[in-house]
Protein backbone atom coordinates (compact mmCIF):
# COMPACT_ATOMS: atom_id res chain seq x y z
CA UNK A 1 -12.36 34.04 166.61
CA UNK A 2 -9.81 36.72 165.81
CA UNK A 3 -6.31 37.15 167.17
CA UNK A 4 -4.88 40.17 168.92
CA UNK A 5 -5.21 43.51 167.16
CA UNK A 6 -1.94 44.42 165.45
CA UNK A 7 -0.77 48.01 165.24
CA UNK A 8 -0.48 49.63 161.86
CA UNK A 9 2.85 50.68 160.41
CA UNK A 10 2.42 54.31 161.51
CA UNK A 11 1.42 53.40 165.07
CA UNK A 12 4.35 50.99 165.32
CA UNK A 13 6.73 53.69 164.09
CA UNK A 14 5.41 56.15 166.69
CA UNK A 15 5.71 53.54 169.44
CA UNK A 16 9.24 52.70 168.40
CA UNK A 17 10.19 56.39 168.54
CA UNK A 18 8.62 56.76 172.01
CA UNK A 19 10.64 53.78 173.23
CA UNK A 20 13.99 55.42 172.52
CA UNK A 21 16.01 55.65 175.72
CA UNK A 22 19.00 57.57 177.02
CA UNK A 23 20.77 54.41 178.18
CA UNK A 24 22.36 52.35 175.40
CA UNK A 25 21.79 49.07 177.23
CA UNK A 26 18.02 49.69 177.27
CA UNK A 27 18.04 50.63 173.60
CA UNK A 28 19.67 47.30 172.77
CA UNK A 29 16.84 45.37 174.45
CA UNK A 30 14.21 47.54 172.78
CA UNK A 31 15.77 47.37 169.32
CA UNK A 32 16.01 43.59 169.56
CA UNK A 33 12.30 43.49 170.48
CA UNK A 34 11.33 45.60 167.47
CA UNK A 35 13.62 43.62 165.15
CA UNK A 36 11.82 40.45 166.25
CA UNK A 37 8.21 41.57 166.74
CA UNK A 38 8.03 44.97 165.02
CA UNK A 39 5.88 43.94 162.08
CA UNK A 40 3.27 42.37 164.37
CA UNK A 41 3.19 44.47 167.56
CA UNK A 42 -0.19 44.00 169.23
CA UNK A 43 -2.16 46.53 171.22
CA UNK A 44 -1.38 44.54 174.38
CA UNK A 45 2.34 44.66 173.65
CA UNK A 46 2.13 48.39 172.93
CA UNK A 47 0.29 48.97 176.22
CA UNK A 48 2.89 46.99 178.17
CA UNK A 49 5.76 48.81 176.46
CA UNK A 50 4.17 52.20 177.12
CA UNK A 51 3.90 51.46 180.84
CA UNK A 52 7.52 50.27 180.95
CA UNK A 53 8.73 53.39 179.15
CA UNK A 54 7.39 55.52 182.02
CA UNK A 55 10.18 54.14 184.21
CA UNK A 56 13.54 55.81 184.73
CA UNK A 57 16.31 54.19 182.68
CA UNK A 58 18.03 52.45 185.59
CA UNK A 59 14.77 50.94 186.89
CA UNK A 60 13.96 49.72 183.39
CA UNK A 61 17.39 48.12 183.04
CA UNK A 62 16.90 46.37 186.39
CA UNK A 63 13.73 44.78 184.99
CA UNK A 64 15.44 43.78 181.74
CA UNK A 65 18.31 42.17 183.63
CA UNK A 66 15.96 40.37 186.06
CA UNK A 67 17.36 42.24 189.04
CA UNK A 68 13.76 42.92 189.97
CA UNK A 69 10.27 42.00 188.84
CA UNK A 70 7.31 44.25 188.00
CA UNK A 71 5.41 45.47 191.04
CA UNK A 72 2.44 47.70 191.75
CA UNK A 73 0.76 49.09 188.63
CA UNK A 74 3.31 47.28 186.45
CA UNK A 75 2.35 43.87 187.81
CA UNK A 76 -0.14 43.14 185.04
CA UNK A 77 -0.28 40.54 182.26
CA UNK A 78 0.56 42.92 179.40
CA UNK A 79 3.72 44.18 181.12
CA UNK A 80 4.85 40.72 182.19
CA UNK A 81 4.31 39.31 178.68
CA UNK A 82 6.19 42.06 176.85
CA UNK A 83 8.92 42.02 179.49
CA UNK A 84 9.51 38.32 178.85
CA UNK A 85 9.75 39.05 175.12
CA UNK A 86 12.21 41.87 175.81
CA UNK A 87 14.30 39.57 178.01
CA UNK A 88 14.41 36.70 175.52
CA UNK A 89 17.54 36.13 173.47
CA UNK A 90 16.41 34.61 170.16
CA UNK A 91 19.53 35.67 168.26
CA UNK A 92 21.96 34.23 170.79
CA UNK A 93 20.20 30.87 170.57
CA UNK A 94 20.31 30.92 166.77
CA UNK A 95 24.10 31.48 166.78
CA UNK A 96 24.86 28.75 169.33
């Protein structure tokens, strides 16, 4: 049995570029995600990120800050999984 399909370096670079946002707060969440998972981004993670990036910046920030949860077409496993990874704070825990 094989694991999830991981994106290649070029695909990951393109995805990272497409995830750039106009709101600094969103970029911080996204950069932290790529710093943590960038070398092993799966197709499922890429799909979830792509759907999230279709949102306006303020709606995306509301999801990152848990002010709201995914609904409608965003209420799928790939979005929920990547959103939890985006919301996690691995570096804060390491410093504590």
